[in-house]
Amino acid sequence: MNNLNTCDNCETTIKNSNTIFYKDFYNSFYNVFKKTKINNHDLCRYIFSFLTYSNGHNVTHQLKKRLPMPNESDSEYDSDFDQDYYWFETKLFCTCCFQTGIILSLENQQRLPYLRRDIYYFLQETDIETAIIKYRKKYYQFFLNYRLPKQYNITYYRNKLPLKENNQYTITNK
């Protein structure tokens, strides 16, 4: 995880990414209140902050490295006896990159990312504006119908699909 509050995929700060990503959503939201007593950008931004993910999403995944045994020069060397080392790494993603990863996994695999290699679904699109054009309808569905976690764990035993309650989908962290 980086310390600069930037997305590990598109390398845009989370704040700038959200400004770009939520621009159309915010304008539509503000237009609803424009001709009412709530015609105030500060108040609308405050309300809107509860509907958005302003700090990004942390995705924790497992990595594996295989190290050969010391006697590799042996003529009877068998790779089945290599040492496997596992560790966890956490990456920070802006909402655009996080939702793109979820969308790609659901489209390609009909399930949420849960294998070690599935981290690469979050590491696809690097240009936010291109992704917004490409997935506009999907992002709108996510905005209206999905609750996303702040922390998402890629583990084999996690839920494979979003949970559905009252026409609202929830993607749990595990």
Foldseek 3Di string as FASTA:
>chain_A
DDDPCAAPALRHHLQVLCCVQCVVVLVVQLVVCCPDPPNDPVVSVVVVVVLADSSFAKEKAKDKDWAADPVCVDPPGDSVPTDIDMDMDIGGHHPLLVLQLQVVCCVPPVWGAAHRVSVCSSNDDNDSVVSCVVCVVVVVCCSPAEDEDNYAYRHNPAGGHFDDDPSHTYDDND
